[in-house]
Structures are given as C-alpha cells and as structure tokens.
Amino acid sequence: MKKLITSLAIIALVSNISLDVRAAEILDRDYIESEIWEEMWLGKDDDGTEFPEASYKRHLLDEWLNENYGSDDYDWTAIGELKYQYKDYYNSLTENWNFNDENGKWTIETEDKTYSFMLTNNAWQMIDQNGNAIDSFPIFSTLEEEEKPNDSPINDNGESGNRVIGSVDNRTETYSDSLDDDESN
C-alpha cells in the first residue's frame, strides 16, 4: 500500500512539474498581440480616425486571441508559429471578402452582405445594409510611437538654469537662533 501511495505521489509530482514548465513557457498574450500587429500593420500611417481598416483588423486580432489564447489548438510558446497561424486564420476568414475604399468610405462586401463603417463616439460601428450596427470596436492607430527620451539633453553653453546631477537629500533648512545676535546681523 505504501508503494502504491508513493508511486501515485511521484506521478502527481512529475505531472505537476511538467505542467508548471509548460505554463512558464507560454508567451504573454500582450507580447503575442504586439508582435503579430507590428509585423502586419505598425507604421502604415493611419491614426485610426480616417479609415476603419486597421482598427477593424486589430479588432479581429483581439477577438482571435480572446477566443484562442492558451488553447491546445496552437503552440503558445513559439511566436513565429503563432504569426503564421494567425495569418492563416485571417486569410481564410477574409478570402471571400471584397474590401473597398472609395473616398474614405470603406466597405466590406461578402457574397451575402455589404458592411459599411461609421465613426461614432471614438469607436467604429460596423453597419450592415439594413442600417443595423452589428459590431463596434475602438479606434486603433498604426502610427509608430515616437520614442521620447527620459532626460532632456544638457545645454552646456551656460544659458540654461542650474541642474542637479545625482541625488538631493530631503533636508529642510531652518533659521538659526544665532541670527538674532549682533555678530550675525
């Protein structure tokens, strides 16, 4: 009986360790999303307010991750494989869609329906041919964020104000009682 209990405990321990190792290898969802997005859309010079295309495609990526992240259908430890899998999913989803952009009026035409988009309250509304909003998603910019340095460069020509380099102690200076004597006046 002791051997059976010991064997079961060892099996449980080994199983637990392998699950922990697998969980530690899974890539972070936000990292996956940013890597896929960067490869597909970042830098396309669209702030998300003029055209709904990039915002909608980001919405599709969010939905795919929400539905699938952590599932056994994909290998969540390999970013290259995930990029390939998402592109495959996206291409199969949109293969029968016709994307049209006529003077800022972006539409999607499928075999059965036509969808248009309208910007309302900082969100895009996907509208079917009957005028019903069937989906809504936030504006998403494809512009690359400019890197802002944490420190401004030091202007060393003597025209700038004083700069403190290093740390300053938090001390409060107080008047000395000795200022009241005649010597200090």
N, C-alpha and C. Protein backbone atom coordinates (compact mmCIF):
# COMPACT_ATOMS: atom_id res chain seq x y z
N MET A 1 0.82 -1.19 0.00
CA MET A 1 0.00 0.00 0.00
C MET A 1 0.87 1.26 0.00
N LYS A 2 1.98 1.23 0.80
CA LYS A 2 2.89 2.37 0.85
C LYS A 2 3.50 2.61 -0.53
N LYS A 3 3.85 1.52 -1.24
CA LYS A 3 4.45 1.66 -2.56
C LYS A 3 3.46 2.28 -3.54
N LEU A 4 2.22 1.92 -3.44
CA LEU A 4 1.19 2.47 -4.32
C LEU A 4 1.02 3.96 -4.07
N ILE A 5 0.92 4.35 -2.82
CA ILE A 5 0.76 5.77 -2.46
C ILE A 5 1.99 6.55 -2.89
N THR A 6 3.18 5.99 -2.65
CA THR A 6 4.41 6.66 -3.05
C THR A 6 4.46 6.81 -4.57
N SER A 7 4.10 5.79 -5.30
CA SER A 7 4.09 5.84 -6.76
C SER A 7 3.12 6.89 -7.28
N LEU A 8 1.93 6.95 -6.70
CA LEU A 8 0.95 7.96 -7.11
C LEU A 8 1.44 9.36 -6.80
N ALA A 9 2.08 9.52 -5.65
CA ALA A 9 2.62 10.84 -5.28
C ALA A 9 3.71 11.27 -6.25
N ILE A 10 4.56 10.35 -6.64
CA ILE A 10 5.63 10.67 -7.59
C ILE A 10 5.04 11.03 -8.95
N ILE A 11 4.06 10.27 -9.40
CA ILE A 11 3.41 10.57 -10.68
C ILE A 11 2.75 11.94 -10.64
N ALA A 12 2.06 12.24 -9.56
CA ALA A 12 1.41 13.54 -9.41
C ALA A 12 2.44 14.66 -9.41
N LEU A 13 3.55 14.46 -8.71
CA LEU A 13 4.60 15.47 -8.65
C LEU A 13 5.22 15.71 -10.01
N VAL A 14 5.54 14.66 -10.74
CA VAL A 14 6.12 14.79 -12.07
C VAL A 14 5.13 15.47 -13.02
N SER A 15 3.86 15.12 -12.93
CA SER A 15 2.84 15.75 -13.77
C SER A 15 2.74 17.23 -13.46
N ASN A 16 2.78 17.56 -12.20
CA ASN A 16 2.71 18.96 -11.77
C ASN A 16 3.89 19.75 -12.29
N ILE A 17 5.07 19.18 -12.21
CA ILE A 17 6.27 19.86 -12.68
C ILE A 17 6.18 20.12 -14.17
N SER A 18 5.74 19.14 -14.94
CA SER A 18 5.65 19.33 -16.39
C SER A 18 4.61 20.38 -16.74
N LEU A 19 3.51 20.45 -16.01
CA LEU A 19 2.51 21.50 -16.25
C LEU A 19 3.08 22.86 -15.91
N ASP A 20 3.83 22.97 -14.82
CA ASP A 20 4.43 24.25 -14.45
C ASP A 20 5.44 24.70 -15.49
N VAL A 21 6.24 23.78 -16.01
CA VAL A 21 7.22 24.12 -17.04
C VAL A 21 6.49 24.59 -18.29
N ARG A 22 5.43 23.90 -18.67
CA ARG A 22 4.65 24.28 -19.86
C ARG A 22 4.03 25.66 -19.66
N ALA A 23 3.48 25.93 -18.49
CA ALA A 23 2.87 27.22 -18.21
C ALA A 23 3.91 28.33 -18.24
N ALA A 24 5.11 28.06 -17.78
CA ALA A 24 6.16 29.06 -17.77
C ALA A 24 6.64 29.39 -19.18
N GLU A 25 6.49 28.46 -20.11
CA GLU A 25 6.94 28.67 -21.49
C GLU A 25 5.93 29.46 -22.32
N ILE A 26 4.68 29.51 -21.93
CA ILE A 26 3.65 30.19 -22.70
C ILE A 26 3.96 31.68 -22.77
N LEU A 27 3.94 32.23 -23.98
CA LEU A 27 4.21 33.64 -24.17
C LEU A 27 3.05 34.49 -23.66
N ASP A 28 3.36 35.67 -23.20
CA ASP A 28 2.37 36.61 -22.70
C ASP A 28 1.45 37.05 -23.84
N ARG A 29 0.16 37.14 -23.56
CA ARG A 29 -0.84 37.49 -24.58
C ARG A 29 -0.54 38.85 -25.21
N ASP A 30 -0.21 39.85 -24.40
CA ASP A 30 0.08 41.19 -24.92
C ASP A 30 1.31 41.18 -25.82
N TYR A 31 2.30 40.39 -25.45
CA TYR A 31 3.50 40.27 -26.27
C TYR A 31 3.15 39.66 -27.64
N ILE A 32 2.35 38.62 -27.62
CA ILE A 32 1.94 37.96 -28.87
C ILE A 32 1.19 38.96 -29.74
N GLU A 33 0.25 39.67 -29.14
CA GLU A 33 -0.55 40.62 -29.89
C GLU A 33 0.33 41.71 -30.52
N SER A 34 1.25 42.26 -29.75
CA SER A 34 2.10 43.33 -30.29
C SER A 34 3.03 42.81 -31.39
N GLU A 35 3.53 41.59 -31.25
CA GLU A 35 4.41 41.03 -32.28
C GLU A 35 3.66 40.78 -33.59
N ILE A 36 2.47 40.21 -33.50
CA ILE A 36 1.69 39.97 -34.72
C ILE A 36 1.28 41.30 -35.35
N TRP A 37 0.83 42.23 -34.51
CA TRP A 37 0.38 43.53 -35.01
C TRP A 37 1.54 44.29 -35.67
N GLU A 38 2.67 44.28 -35.03
CA GLU A 38 3.81 45.02 -35.57
C GLU A 38 4.19 44.51 -36.96
N GLU A 39 4.17 43.22 -37.14
CA GLU A 39 4.53 42.66 -38.43
C GLU A 39 3.49 42.98 -39.50
N MET A 40 2.22 43.00 -39.11
CA MET A 40 1.16 43.17 -40.10
C MET A 40 0.83 44.63 -40.41
N TRP A 41 0.83 45.50 -39.38
CA TRP A 41 0.26 46.81 -39.59
C TRP A 41 1.04 48.01 -39.07
N LEU A 42 1.89 47.86 -38.10
CA LEU A 42 2.53 49.02 -37.50
C LEU A 42 3.29 49.84 -38.53
N GLY A 43 3.11 51.15 -38.48
CA GLY A 43 3.81 52.04 -39.39
C GLY A 43 3.09 52.30 -40.69
N LYS A 44 1.81 52.01 -40.77
CA LYS A 44 1.05 52.21 -42.01
C LYS A 44 0.49 53.63 -42.12
N ASP A 45 0.87 54.53 -41.21
CA ASP A 45 0.49 55.94 -41.26
C ASP A 45 -1.02 56.19 -41.26
N ASP A 46 -1.72 55.55 -40.36
CA ASP A 46 -3.15 55.76 -40.19
C ASP A 46 -3.41 55.94 -38.70
N ASP A 47 -3.97 57.10 -38.34
CA ASP A 47 -4.22 57.34 -36.92
C ASP A 47 -5.50 56.67 -36.42
N GLY A 48 -6.20 55.98 -37.31
CA GLY A 48 -7.39 55.23 -36.92
C GLY A 48 -8.69 56.00 -37.01
N THR A 49 -8.62 57.29 -37.27
CA THR A 49 -9.86 58.09 -37.31
C THR A 49 -10.38 58.32 -38.72
N GLU A 50 -9.53 58.21 -39.73
CA GLU A 50 -10.00 58.45 -41.09
C GLU A 50 -10.51 57.18 -41.76
N PHE A 51 -9.84 56.08 -41.51
CA PHE A 51 -10.20 54.82 -42.13
C PHE A 51 -10.36 53.75 -41.06
N PRO A 52 -11.38 52.91 -41.16
CA PRO A 52 -11.59 51.88 -40.14
C PRO A 52 -10.80 50.60 -40.38
N GLU A 53 -10.11 50.51 -41.51
CA GLU A 53 -9.49 49.26 -41.91
C GLU A 53 -8.54 48.69 -40.84
N ALA A 54 -7.55 49.46 -40.43
CA ALA A 54 -6.58 48.95 -39.46
C ALA A 54 -7.24 48.68 -38.11
N SER A 55 -8.16 49.55 -37.70
CA SER A 55 -8.86 49.34 -36.43
C SER A 55 -9.66 48.05 -36.46
N TYR A 56 -10.30 47.78 -37.57
CA TYR A 56 -11.09 46.55 -37.69
C TYR A 56 -10.18 45.32 -37.67
N LYS A 57 -9.07 45.41 -38.36
CA LYS A 57 -8.15 44.28 -38.40
C LYS A 57 -7.51 44.05 -37.02
N ARG A 58 -7.29 45.13 -36.26
CA ARG A 58 -6.81 44.95 -34.89
C ARG A 58 -7.90 44.30 -34.04
N HIS A 59 -9.13 44.68 -34.29
CA HIS A 59 -10.27 44.08 -33.59
C HIS A 59 -10.34 42.57 -33.87
N LEU A 60 -10.12 42.18 -35.12
CA LEU A 60 -10.12 40.75 -35.47
C LEU A 60 -9.00 40.01 -34.74
N LEU A 61 -7.83 40.63 -34.63
CA LEU A 61 -6.72 40.02 -33.90
C LEU A 61 -7.07 39.86 -32.42
N ASP A 62 -7.66 40.89 -31.83
CA ASP A 62 -8.09 40.81 -30.42
C ASP A 62 -9.08 39.67 -30.22
N GLU A 63 -10.05 39.56 -31.11
CA GLU A 63 -11.05 38.50 -30.98
C GLU A 63 -10.42 37.12 -31.11
N TRP A 64 -9.49 36.97 -32.05
CA TRP A 64 -8.82 35.68 -32.23
C TRP A 64 -8.06 35.30 -30.97
N LEU A 65 -7.34 36.26 -30.40
CA LEU A 65 -6.60 35.97 -29.16
C LEU A 65 -7.54 35.69 -28.00
N ASN A 66 -8.62 36.46 -27.88
CA ASN A 66 -9.58 36.23 -26.79
C ASN A 66 -10.18 34.83 -26.86
N GLU A 67 -10.47 34.38 -28.06
CA GLU A 67 -11.09 33.07 -28.23
C GLU A 67 -10.10 31.91 -28.09
N ASN A 68 -8.83 32.14 -28.42
CA ASN A 68 -7.90 31.03 -28.54
C ASN A 68 -6.73 31.02 -27.56
N TYR A 69 -6.42 32.12 -26.92
CA TYR A 69 -5.21 32.19 -26.11
C TYR A 69 -5.19 31.10 -25.03
N GLY A 70 -4.15 30.32 -25.04
CA GLY A 70 -3.98 29.25 -24.07
C GLY A 70 -4.59 27.92 -24.48
N SER A 71 -5.33 27.90 -25.59
CA SER A 71 -5.95 26.64 -26.01
C SER A 71 -4.89 25.69 -26.56
N ASP A 72 -5.24 24.43 -26.63
CA ASP A 72 -4.33 23.42 -27.15
C ASP A 72 -4.27 23.41 -28.68
N ASP A 73 -5.07 24.26 -29.33
CA ASP A 73 -5.09 24.30 -30.79
C ASP A 73 -3.82 24.93 -31.38
N TYR A 74 -3.11 25.71 -30.58
CA TYR A 74 -1.93 26.42 -31.06
C TYR A 74 -0.77 26.24 -30.09
N ASP A 75 0.44 26.41 -30.60
CA ASP A 75 1.64 26.35 -29.77
C ASP A 75 1.92 27.77 -29.28
N TRP A 76 1.61 28.05 -28.03
CA TRP A 76 1.73 29.39 -27.45
C TRP A 76 3.14 29.69 -26.95
N THR A 77 4.10 28.87 -27.34
CA THR A 77 5.49 29.08 -26.92
C THR A 77 6.36 29.57 -28.07
N ALA A 78 5.84 29.60 -29.29
CA ALA A 78 6.64 29.95 -30.46
C ALA A 78 5.97 31.09 -31.22
N ILE A 79 6.55 32.28 -31.15
CA ILE A 79 5.93 33.45 -31.77
C ILE A 79 5.89 33.32 -33.30
N GLY A 80 6.90 32.74 -33.89
CA GLY A 80 6.89 32.57 -35.34
C GLY A 80 5.73 31.71 -35.81
N GLU A 81 5.48 30.63 -35.09
CA GLU A 81 4.37 29.74 -35.41
C GLU A 81 3.03 30.45 -35.23
N LEU A 82 2.93 31.25 -34.17
CA LEU A 82 1.68 31.98 -33.91
C LEU A 82 1.40 33.01 -34.99
N LYS A 83 2.44 33.69 -35.46
CA LYS A 83 2.27 34.65 -36.55
C LYS A 83 1.73 33.94 -37.79
N TYR A 84 2.32 32.81 -38.10
CA TYR A 84 1.88 32.01 -39.25
C TYR A 84 0.43 31.57 -39.06
N GLN A 85 0.08 31.07 -37.89
CA GLN A 85 -1.27 30.58 -37.61
C GLN A 85 -2.29 31.71 -37.72
N TYR A 86 -1.95 32.89 -37.19
CA TYR A 86 -2.90 34.00 -37.28
C TYR A 86 -3.08 34.45 -38.73
N LYS A 87 -2.00 34.56 -39.47
CA LYS A 87 -2.12 34.96 -40.88
C LYS A 87 -2.99 33.96 -41.65
N ASP A 88 -2.82 32.68 -41.36
CA ASP A 88 -3.63 31.64 -42.00
C ASP A 88 -5.11 31.83 -41.63
N TYR A 89 -5.37 32.07 -40.35
CA TYR A 89 -6.75 32.32 -39.89
C TYR A 89 -7.32 33.55 -40.58
N TYR A 90 -6.57 34.63 -40.60
CA TYR A 90 -7.05 35.88 -41.19
C TYR A 90 -7.32 35.71 -42.68
N ASN A 91 -6.42 35.08 -43.38
CA ASN A 91 -6.61 34.87 -44.82
C ASN A 91 -7.82 34.00 -45.12
N SER A 92 -8.03 32.95 -44.33
CA SER A 92 -9.21 32.10 -44.56
C SER A 92 -10.50 32.83 -44.19
N LEU A 93 -10.45 33.70 -43.20
CA LEU A 93 -11.63 34.47 -42.81
C LEU A 93 -12.03 35.46 -43.89
N THR A 94 -11.04 36.10 -44.49
CA THR A 94 -11.32 37.21 -45.41
C THR A 94 -11.19 36.85 -46.89
N GLU A 95 -10.99 35.57 -47.21
CA GLU A 95 -10.73 35.20 -48.60
C GLU A 95 -11.89 35.55 -49.55
N ASN A 96 -13.11 35.56 -49.09
CA ASN A 96 -14.25 35.89 -49.95
C ASN A 96 -14.79 37.30 -49.70
N TRP A 97 -14.00 38.12 -49.05
CA TRP A 97 -14.41 39.50 -48.80
C TRP A 97 -13.79 40.41 -49.85
N ASN A 98 -14.54 41.40 -50.26
CA ASN A 98 -14.01 42.46 -51.12
C ASN A 98 -13.93 43.73 -50.29
N PHE A 99 -12.73 44.23 -50.07
CA PHE A 99 -12.53 45.48 -49.34
C PHE A 99 -12.52 46.62 -50.34
N ASN A 100 -13.33 47.63 -50.09
CA ASN A 100 -13.42 48.78 -50.98
C ASN A 100 -13.18 50.05 -50.19
N ASP A 101 -12.47 50.97 -50.81
CA ASP A 101 -12.23 52.27 -50.20
C ASP A 101 -12.48 53.32 -51.27
N GLU A 102 -13.62 53.94 -51.20
CA GLU A 102 -13.97 54.98 -52.16
C GLU A 102 -14.12 56.29 -51.42
N ASN A 103 -13.10 57.13 -51.54
CA ASN A 103 -13.09 58.45 -50.90
C ASN A 103 -13.37 58.38 -49.40
N GLY A 104 -12.72 57.47 -48.73
CA GLY A 104 -12.86 57.36 -47.29
C GLY A 104 -14.05 56.54 -46.83
N LYS A 105 -14.86 56.06 -47.75
CA LYS A 105 -15.99 55.18 -47.41
C LYS A 105 -15.53 53.74 -47.57
N TRP A 106 -15.07 53.16 -46.49
CA TRP A 106 -14.53 51.80 -46.52
C TRP A 106 -15.66 50.82 -46.32
N THR A 107 -15.76 49.83 -47.19
CA THR A 107 -16.81 48.83 -47.09
C THR A 107 -16.22 47.43 -47.25
N ILE A 108 -16.97 46.47 -46.76
CA ILE A 108 -16.64 45.06 -46.97
C ILE A 108 -17.84 44.44 -47.65
N GLU A 109 -17.60 43.77 -48.76
CA GLU A 109 -18.67 43.07 -49.46
C GLU A 109 -18.39 41.58 -49.40
N THR A 110 -19.38 40.83 -48.96
CA THR A 110 -19.30 39.37 -48.96
C THR A 110 -20.33 38.87 -49.97
N GLU A 111 -20.47 37.57 -50.10
CA GLU A 111 -21.46 37.03 -51.03
C GLU A 111 -22.88 37.45 -50.64
N ASP A 112 -23.13 37.55 -49.33
CA ASP A 112 -24.48 37.80 -48.84
C ASP A 112 -24.74 39.24 -48.41
N LYS A 113 -23.72 39.94 -47.93
CA LYS A 113 -23.96 41.23 -47.30
C LYS A 113 -22.89 42.25 -47.67
N THR A 114 -23.24 43.49 -47.41
CA THR A 114 -22.31 44.59 -47.54
C THR A 114 -22.28 45.33 -46.22
N TYR A 115 -21.09 45.63 -45.74
CA TYR A 115 -20.93 46.34 -44.48
C TYR A 115 -20.23 47.67 -44.73
N SER A 116 -20.68 48.68 -44.03
CA SER A 116 -20.01 49.97 -44.06
C SER A 116 -19.61 50.33 -42.63
N PHE A 117 -18.86 51.39 -42.49
CA PHE A 117 -18.34 51.77 -41.18
C PHE A 117 -18.59 53.24 -40.92
N MET A 118 -18.89 53.55 -39.67
CA MET A 118 -19.15 54.93 -39.27
C MET A 118 -18.47 55.18 -37.92
N LEU A 119 -17.76 56.29 -37.82
CA LEU A 119 -17.09 56.65 -36.58
C LEU A 119 -18.06 57.40 -35.68
N THR A 120 -18.32 56.84 -34.49
CA THR A 120 -19.24 57.43 -33.54
C THR A 120 -18.66 57.30 -32.13
N ASN A 121 -18.56 58.41 -31.42
CA ASN A 121 -18.07 58.42 -30.04
C ASN A 121 -16.74 57.67 -29.89
N ASN A 122 -15.78 58.00 -30.74
CA ASN A 122 -14.44 57.41 -30.71
C ASN A 122 -14.43 55.89 -30.86
N ALA A 123 -15.41 55.35 -31.56
CA ALA A 123 -15.45 53.92 -31.86
C ALA A 123 -16.04 53.75 -33.26
N TRP A 124 -15.55 52.76 -33.97
CA TRP A 124 -16.08 52.45 -35.28
C TRP A 124 -17.27 51.51 -35.12
N GLN A 125 -18.33 51.82 -35.87
CA GLN A 125 -19.51 50.98 -35.91
C GLN A 125 -19.53 50.26 -37.25
N MET A 126 -19.66 48.94 -37.23
CA MET A 126 -19.78 48.15 -38.46
C MET A 126 -21.27 47.98 -38.71
N ILE A 127 -21.73 48.49 -39.86
CA ILE A 127 -23.16 48.58 -40.13
C ILE A 127 -23.50 47.72 -41.35
N ASP A 128 -24.56 46.91 -41.21
CA ASP A 128 -24.98 46.08 -42.35
C ASP A 128 -25.83 46.91 -43.31
N GLN A 129 -26.27 46.28 -44.41
CA GLN A 129 -27.02 47.03 -45.43
C GLN A 129 -28.39 47.48 -44.96
N ASN A 130 -28.88 46.93 -43.83
CA ASN A 130 -30.16 47.36 -43.26
C ASN A 130 -30.01 48.53 -42.29
N GLY A 131 -28.77 48.95 -42.07
CA GLY A 131 -28.53 50.07 -41.16
C GLY A 131 -28.33 49.65 -39.71
N ASN A 132 -28.23 48.35 -39.46
CA ASN A 132 -28.03 47.85 -38.10
C ASN A 132 -26.54 47.78 -37.77
N ALA A 133 -26.17 48.28 -36.60
CA ALA A 133 -24.79 48.16 -36.13
C ALA A 133 -24.61 46.73 -35.62
N ILE A 134 -23.75 45.99 -36.29
CA ILE A 134 -23.56 44.58 -35.91
C ILE A 134 -22.28 44.37 -35.11
N ASP A 135 -21.40 45.36 -35.11
CA ASP A 135 -20.16 45.25 -34.34
C ASP A 135 -19.66 46.65 -34.05
N SER A 136 -18.90 46.77 -33.00
CA SER A 136 -18.31 48.04 -32.61
C SER A 136 -16.91 47.76 -32.07
N PHE A 137 -15.97 48.63 -32.40
CA PHE A 137 -14.60 48.42 -31.96
C PHE A 137 -13.89 49.77 -31.84
N PRO A 138 -12.90 49.84 -30.97
CA PRO A 138 -12.21 51.10 -30.73
C PRO A 138 -11.30 51.50 -31.88
N ILE A 139 -11.00 52.77 -31.93
CA ILE A 139 -10.03 53.31 -32.88
C ILE A 139 -8.66 52.76 -32.50
N PHE A 140 -7.91 52.38 -33.50
CA PHE A 140 -6.56 51.94 -33.23
C PHE A 140 -5.63 52.54 -34.26
N SER A 141 -4.58 53.17 -33.80
CA SER A 141 -3.63 53.84 -34.67
C SER A 141 -2.53 52.88 -35.11
N THR A 142 -2.09 53.04 -36.36
CA THR A 142 -0.96 52.26 -36.84
C THR A 142 0.31 53.09 -36.86
N LEU A 143 0.22 54.32 -36.39
CA LEU A 143 1.40 55.17 -36.36
C LEU A 143 2.39 54.63 -35.33
N GLU A 144 3.65 54.71 -35.67
CA GLU A 144 4.67 54.29 -34.71
C GLU A 144 4.82 55.40 -33.68
N GLU A 145 4.88 54.99 -32.43
CA GLU A 145 5.06 55.98 -31.37
C GLU A 145 6.49 56.49 -31.43
N GLU A 146 6.60 57.82 -31.33
CA GLU A 146 7.94 58.39 -31.31
C GLU A 146 8.55 58.14 -29.95
N GLU A 147 9.81 57.72 -29.98
CA GLU A 147 10.48 57.48 -28.72
C GLU A 147 10.85 58.81 -28.11
N LYS A 148 10.49 59.00 -26.86
CA LYS A 148 10.80 60.24 -26.16
C LYS A 148 11.85 59.92 -25.11
N PRO A 149 12.96 60.66 -25.16
CA PRO A 149 13.99 60.39 -24.16
C PRO A 149 13.50 60.77 -22.77
N ASN A 150 13.96 60.04 -21.78
CA ASN A 150 13.57 60.32 -20.40
C ASN A 150 14.20 61.61 -19.89
N ASP A 151 15.40 61.91 -20.33
CA ASP A 151 16.08 63.12 -19.88
C ASP A 151 16.30 64.03 -21.07
N SER A 152 16.16 65.33 -20.82
CA SER A 152 16.47 66.27 -21.88
C SER A 152 17.98 66.44 -21.93
N PRO A 153 18.52 66.74 -23.11
CA PRO A 153 19.96 66.89 -23.20
C PRO A 153 20.42 68.09 -22.38
N ILE A 154 21.60 67.98 -21.84
CA ILE A 154 22.14 69.07 -21.03
C ILE A 154 22.67 70.15 -21.95
N ASN A 155 22.19 71.37 -21.76
CA ASN A 155 22.65 72.52 -22.52
C ASN A 155 23.83 73.08 -21.75
N ASP A 156 25.00 72.90 -22.27
CA ASP A 156 26.21 73.24 -21.51
C ASP A 156 26.80 74.59 -21.91
N ASN A 157 26.03 75.47 -22.58
CA ASN A 157 26.59 76.74 -23.00
C ASN A 157 26.42 77.83 -21.94
N GLY A 158 25.94 77.48 -20.79
CA GLY A 158 25.84 78.44 -19.69
C GLY A 158 24.55 79.23 -19.67
N GLU A 159 23.69 79.04 -20.66
CA GLU A 159 22.45 79.80 -20.72
C GLU A 159 21.30 79.11 -20.01
N SER A 160 21.46 77.85 -19.65
CA SER A 160 20.37 77.13 -19.00
C SER A 160 20.48 77.31 -17.49
N GLY A 161 19.40 76.95 -16.82
CA GLY A 161 19.38 77.06 -15.36
C GLY A 161 20.25 76.01 -14.71
N ASN A 162 20.30 76.07 -13.40
CA ASN A 162 21.09 75.09 -12.66
C ASN A 162 20.51 73.70 -12.82
N ARG A 163 21.37 72.71 -12.86
CA ARG A 163 20.96 71.33 -12.94
C ARG A 163 21.54 70.59 -11.75
N VAL A 164 20.78 69.65 -11.26
CA VAL A 164 21.26 68.81 -10.18
C VAL A 164 21.56 67.44 -10.75
N ILE A 165 22.76 66.99 -10.59
CA ILE A 165 23.15 65.68 -11.05
C ILE A 165 23.39 64.83 -9.82
N GLY A 166 22.74 63.71 -9.73
CA GLY A 166 22.83 62.86 -8.55
C GLY A 166 21.58 63.00 -7.72
N SER A 167 21.70 62.82 -6.42
CA SER A 167 20.51 62.90 -5.58
C SER A 167 20.64 64.06 -4.61
N VAL A 168 19.51 64.55 -4.19
CA VAL A 168 19.46 65.65 -3.24
C VAL A 168 18.80 65.13 -1.99
N ASP A 169 19.43 65.39 -0.82
CA ASP A 169 18.84 64.96 0.45
C ASP A 169 17.62 65.81 0.74
N ASN A 170 16.62 65.20 1.33
CA ASN A 170 15.42 65.93 1.73
C ASN A 170 15.65 66.53 3.11
N ARG A 171 16.32 67.66 3.14
CA ARG A 171 16.54 68.36 4.39
C ARG A 171 15.84 69.69 4.31
N THR A 172 15.38 70.16 5.41
CA THR A 172 14.74 71.46 5.47
C THR A 172 15.67 72.40 6.24
N GLU A 173 16.02 73.47 5.58
CA GLU A 173 16.87 74.46 6.24
C GLU A 173 16.00 75.30 7.17
N THR A 174 16.51 75.59 8.35
CA THR A 174 15.78 76.43 9.31
C THR A 174 16.66 77.57 9.75
N TYR A 175 16.02 78.63 10.17
CA TYR A 175 16.78 79.75 10.72
C TYR A 175 17.50 79.31 11.97
N SER A 176 18.65 79.82 12.14
CA SER A 176 19.40 79.52 13.34
C SER A 176 19.11 80.58 14.39
N ASP A 177 19.07 80.17 15.63
CA ASP A 177 18.85 81.14 16.72
C ASP A 177 20.00 82.14 16.81
N SER A 178 21.14 81.75 16.27
CA SER A 178 22.30 82.64 16.37
C SER A 178 22.16 83.87 15.47
N LEU A 179 21.19 83.90 14.56
CA LEU A 179 20.99 85.07 13.70
C LEU A 179 20.49 86.26 14.51
N ASP A 180 19.99 86.01 15.67
CA ASP A 180 19.48 87.11 16.48
C ASP A 180 20.58 87.89 17.19
N ASP A 181 21.77 87.33 17.21
CA ASP A 181 22.82 88.07 17.91
C ASP A 181 23.39 89.14 17.02
N ASP A 182 24.13 90.04 17.60
CA ASP A 182 24.66 91.19 16.88
C ASP A 182 25.70 90.81 15.84
N GLU A 183 26.47 89.76 16.12
CA GLU A 183 27.54 89.33 15.21
C GLU A 183 26.99 88.93 13.85
N SER A 184 25.91 88.17 13.83
CA SER A 184 25.37 87.67 12.57
C SER A 184 24.59 88.73 11.81
N ASN A 185 24.11 89.79 12.48
CA ASN A 185 23.40 90.84 11.78
C ASN A 185 24.38 91.65 10.99
